[in-house]
N, C-alpha and C. Protein backbone atom coordinates (compact mmCIF):
# COMPACT_ATOMS: atom_id res chain seq x y z
N MET A 1 -4.28 11.28 -16.33
CA MET A 1 -4.54 9.62 -16.02
C MET A 1 -4.76 9.97 -14.44
N ASP A 2 -5.95 9.04 -13.91
CA ASP A 2 -6.64 8.62 -12.29
C ASP A 2 -5.12 7.94 -12.10
N ARG A 3 -4.25 8.26 -11.20
CA ARG A 3 -3.41 7.62 -9.53
C ARG A 3 -3.53 7.45 -8.47
N GLN A 4 -3.58 6.54 -8.03
CA GLN A 4 -3.55 7.27 -6.60
C GLN A 4 -2.86 5.38 -6.19
N VAL A 5 -2.30 5.60 -4.80
CA VAL A 5 -1.59 4.25 -4.39
C VAL A 5 -3.34 3.88 -3.59
N VAL A 6 -2.91 2.55 -2.91
CA VAL A 6 -4.51 1.77 -2.01
C VAL A 6 -3.30 1.26 -1.23
N MET A 7 -3.50 1.28 -0.04
CA MET A 7 -2.57 0.88 0.83
C MET A 7 -3.76 -0.63 1.96
N TRP A 8 -3.74 -1.28 2.41
CA TRP A 8 -4.14 -2.26 3.48
C TRP A 8 -3.23 -2.38 3.88
N ALA A 9 -3.61 -2.59 5.84
CA ALA A 9 -2.59 -2.00 6.90
C ALA A 9 -3.20 -2.84 8.18
N LYS A 10 -2.25 -2.41 9.06
CA LYS A 10 -2.83 -2.82 10.22
C LYS A 10 -2.12 -1.48 11.51
N SER A 11 -3.49 -1.04 12.07
CA SER A 11 -2.36 -0.13 13.18
C SER A 11 -1.07 -0.60 13.72
N ASN A 12 -1.60 -1.45 14.56
CA ASN A 12 -0.23 -1.80 15.50
C ASN A 12 1.38 -2.35 14.39
N CYS A 13 1.13 -2.01 12.98
CA CYS A 13 2.44 -2.06 12.31
C CYS A 13 2.62 -1.27 12.27
N SER A 14 4.43 -1.37 12.48
CA SER A 14 4.90 0.40 12.54
C SER A 14 5.81 0.00 10.74
N PHE A 15 5.94 -0.69 10.04
CA PHE A 15 6.18 -0.06 8.42
C PHE A 15 5.04 0.64 8.23
N CYS A 16 4.17 -0.34 8.29
CA CYS A 16 2.06 0.18 7.61
C CYS A 16 2.45 2.02 8.05
N GLY A 17 2.65 2.52 9.27
CA GLY A 17 2.89 3.90 9.75
C GLY A 17 4.08 4.11 8.90
N GLU A 18 4.78 3.80 8.85
CA GLU A 18 6.04 4.49 8.28
C GLU A 18 5.78 4.65 6.53
N ALA A 19 5.07 3.78 5.98
CA ALA A 19 4.62 4.07 4.88
C ALA A 19 3.27 4.97 4.76
N MET A 20 2.50 5.04 5.61
CA MET A 20 1.66 6.25 5.20
C MET A 20 2.57 7.69 5.52
N LYS A 21 3.08 7.85 6.26
CA LYS A 21 4.19 8.97 6.00
C LYS A 21 5.16 8.40 5.60
N GLU A 22 5.19 8.24 4.46
CA GLU A 22 5.92 8.60 3.15
C GLU A 22 4.82 8.63 1.63
N LEU A 23 3.73 8.58 2.40
CA LEU A 23 3.16 8.99 1.13
C LEU A 23 2.48 10.06 1.39
N ILE A 24 2.26 10.42 2.65
CA ILE A 24 2.39 11.80 3.03
C ILE A 24 3.21 12.75 2.10
N GLN A 25 4.43 12.34 3.05
CA GLN A 25 5.60 13.24 2.60
C GLN A 25 5.46 13.42 1.18
N HIS A 26 5.23 12.67 0.26
CA HIS A 26 5.65 13.00 -1.16
C HIS A 26 4.32 12.96 -1.67
N GLY A 27 2.94 13.79 -1.26
CA GLY A 27 2.08 14.28 -1.78
C GLY A 27 1.42 13.00 -2.72
N MET A 28 1.86 12.09 -2.27
CA MET A 28 0.79 10.85 -3.71
C MET A 28 -0.98 10.77 -3.07
N ASN A 29 -1.61 10.97 -3.24
CA ASN A 29 -2.90 10.50 -3.91
C ASN A 29 -2.81 9.30 -3.47
N HIS A 30 -3.26 8.74 -2.23
CA HIS A 30 -3.47 7.80 -1.38
C HIS A 30 -5.47 7.03 -0.59
N THR A 31 -5.10 5.63 -0.04
CA THR A 31 -6.38 5.55 0.59
C THR A 31 -5.75 4.34 1.71
N VAL A 32 -6.15 4.40 2.63
CA VAL A 32 -5.27 3.36 4.06
C VAL A 32 -6.71 2.51 4.05
N HIS A 33 -6.38 1.32 4.14
CA HIS A 33 -7.79 0.37 4.54
C HIS A 33 -7.15 -0.05 5.89
N ILE A 34 -7.23 -0.20 6.96
CA ILE A 34 -6.62 -0.41 8.07
C ILE A 34 -7.84 -1.75 9.06
N MET A 35 -7.04 -2.92 8.53
CA MET A 35 -7.90 -4.21 8.95
C MET A 35 -7.64 -4.96 10.01
N ASP A 36 -7.31 -3.80 10.83
CA ASP A 36 -7.09 -4.36 11.73
C ASP A 36 -8.33 -5.59 12.76
N ASP A 37 -10.14 -5.69 12.20
CA ASP A 37 -10.83 -6.48 12.87
C ASP A 37 -11.56 -7.33 11.07
N LYS A 38 -10.77 -7.18 10.42
CA LYS A 38 -11.14 -7.80 9.41
C LYS A 38 -9.70 -9.18 8.33
N VAL A 39 -10.43 -10.07 9.55
CA VAL A 39 -8.77 -11.13 9.28
C VAL A 39 -9.03 -11.60 8.07
N ALA A 40 -11.07 -11.76 7.47
CA ALA A 40 -10.90 -12.53 6.43
C ALA A 40 -10.89 -12.22 5.23
N ASP A 41 -11.14 -10.40 5.65
CA ASP A 41 -10.69 -9.16 3.64
C ASP A 41 -8.93 -9.25 3.79
N LEU A 42 -8.28 -9.16 5.67
CA LEU A 42 -7.01 -8.97 4.57
C LEU A 42 -6.27 -10.83 4.21
N ALA A 43 -6.82 -11.72 4.48
CA ALA A 43 -6.17 -12.43 4.03
C ALA A 43 -6.28 -12.71 2.83
N GLU A 44 -7.80 -12.28 1.89
CA GLU A 44 -8.00 -11.78 0.86
C GLU A 44 -7.10 -11.67 -0.24
N VAL A 45 -7.33 -10.11 -0.02
CA VAL A 45 -6.15 -9.17 0.10
C VAL A 45 -4.78 -9.78 -0.40
N LYS A 46 -4.09 -10.45 0.51
CA LYS A 46 -3.09 -10.79 0.54
C LYS A 46 -2.85 -12.26 -0.20
N GLU A 47 -3.79 -13.00 -0.20
CA GLU A 47 -3.98 -14.08 -1.22
C GLU A 47 -3.70 -13.20 -2.96
N ARG A 48 -4.73 -12.77 -2.92
CA ARG A 48 -4.79 -11.65 -4.24
C ARG A 48 -4.44 -11.74 -5.01
N TRP A 49 -2.40 -10.70 -4.12
CA TRP A 49 -1.48 -9.85 -4.63
C TRP A 49 0.03 -10.77 -4.16
N ASN A 50 -0.72 -12.07 -3.59
CA ASN A 50 0.56 -13.00 -3.26
C ASN A 50 1.77 -12.04 -2.74
N HIS A 51 0.94 -11.78 -1.24
CA HIS A 51 2.23 -11.03 -0.76
C HIS A 51 1.64 -10.81 1.28
N SER A 52 2.26 -11.98 1.29
CA SER A 52 2.28 -12.39 2.88
C SER A 52 1.91 -11.28 3.62
N THR A 53 2.89 -10.46 3.92
CA THR A 53 2.59 -9.30 5.47
C THR A 53 2.00 -8.07 5.41
N VAL A 54 1.78 -6.97 5.62
CA VAL A 54 1.30 -5.97 5.88
C VAL A 54 2.54 -5.37 6.24
N PRO A 55 2.25 -3.50 5.22
CA PRO A 55 1.17 -3.01 4.19
C PRO A 55 1.27 -4.27 2.78
N VAL A 56 -0.15 -4.17 2.14
CA VAL A 56 0.16 -4.07 0.91
C VAL A 56 -0.39 -3.22 0.42
N VAL A 57 0.78 -2.85 -1.12
CA VAL A 57 0.66 -1.33 -1.07
C VAL A 57 0.51 -1.53 -2.95
N VAL A 58 -0.85 -1.02 -3.00
CA VAL A 58 -0.52 -0.95 -4.95
C VAL A 58 -1.17 0.13 -5.53
N LEU A 59 -0.40 0.31 -6.72
CA LEU A 59 -0.53 1.27 -7.69
C LEU A 59 -2.01 1.02 -8.70
N LYS A 60 -3.01 2.65 -8.43
CA LYS A 60 -4.33 2.01 -9.41
C LYS A 60 -3.91 3.38 -10.09
N GLU A 61 -3.83 3.00 -11.39
CA GLU A 61 -3.85 3.86 -12.51
C GLU A 61 -4.90 3.59 -13.35
N ASP A 62 -5.60 4.30 -13.33
CA ASP A 62 -7.16 4.38 -14.80
C ASP A 62 -8.18 3.12 -14.51
N ASP A 63 -7.49 2.10 -15.08
CA ASP A 63 -8.38 0.69 -14.36
C ASP A 63 -7.28 -0.32 -14.65
N ASN A 64 -6.49 -0.29 -14.25
CA ASN A 64 -5.11 -1.12 -13.65
C ASN A 64 -4.78 -0.65 -12.50
N GLU A 65 -4.03 -2.00 -12.24
CA GLU A 65 -3.93 -2.25 -10.46
C GLU A 65 -2.31 -3.01 -10.62
N THR A 66 -1.46 -2.30 -10.07
CA THR A 66 -0.10 -3.06 -10.17
C THR A 66 0.67 -2.90 -8.31
N LEU A 67 0.99 -4.38 -8.28
CA LEU A 67 1.28 -4.53 -6.41
C LEU A 67 3.02 -3.92 -6.62
N ILE A 68 2.31 -2.80 -6.16
CA ILE A 68 4.14 -2.25 -5.40
C ILE A 68 5.15 -3.12 -4.80
N GLY A 69 4.03 -3.32 -3.32
CA GLY A 69 4.90 -4.57 -2.40
C GLY A 69 4.65 -4.19 -0.92
N GLY A 70 5.36 -4.18 -0.15
CA GLY A 70 4.91 -3.89 1.14
C GLY A 70 6.06 -2.50 1.15
N PHE A 71 6.77 -2.14 2.43
CA PHE A 71 6.81 -0.46 2.21
C PHE A 71 7.93 -0.37 2.16
N THR A 72 9.27 -1.84 2.59
CA THR A 72 10.86 -1.14 2.22
C THR A 72 10.45 -0.86 0.02
N GLU A 73 9.38 -2.07 -0.62
CA GLU A 73 9.43 -1.64 -2.00
C GLU A 73 8.55 -0.17 -2.45
N LEU A 74 7.61 0.04 -1.53
CA LEU A 74 7.13 1.01 -1.09
C LEU A 74 8.08 2.94 -1.48
N LYS A 75 8.96 2.23 -0.59
CA LYS A 75 9.86 3.90 -0.64
C LYS A 75 10.88 3.72 -1.87
N LYS A 76 11.17 2.49 -2.22
CA LYS A 76 12.20 1.95 -3.60
C LYS A 76 11.51 3.03 -4.52
N TRP A 77 9.95 2.47 -4.60
CA TRP A 77 8.97 3.16 -6.20
C TRP A 77 9.29 4.25 -5.70
N LEU A 78 9.04 4.84 -4.57
CA LEU A 78 8.61 6.67 -4.33
C LEU A 78 9.95 7.12 -5.17
N VAL A 79 11.46 6.96 -4.73
CA VAL A 79 12.45 7.77 -5.03
C VAL A 79 12.80 7.76 -6.56
N ASP A 80 12.92 5.97 -6.93
CA ASP A 80 12.72 5.48 -7.61
C ASP A 80 11.92 5.74 -9.05
N ASP A 81 11.10 5.16 -9.50
CA ASP A 81 10.12 4.75 -10.31
C ASP A 81 8.94 5.85 -10.66
N ASN A 82 8.49 6.79 -9.57
CA ASN A 82 7.79 7.84 -9.14
C ASN A 82 7.83 9.12 -10.00
N LYS A 83 9.08 9.59 -8.84
CA LYS A 83 9.60 10.49 -9.44
C LYS A 83 10.33 11.14 -10.22
């Protein structure tokens, strides 16, 4: 199964930075999209996932995508659901 975490973030967001650290510490395959200069694109991502803050964290498994949430939900998912 191909499994990856995709995150949309801003460089000045402390929760985004902490989320990146958590993904690295847990050895998760991940892609981070820094959206500082992509305001409209970030708005589309937030609307698509009905998530109003950054980071927006999504799990991709094969052809399925599932919203994990933000930093708090990611941290819980890494501890409870993923391991």
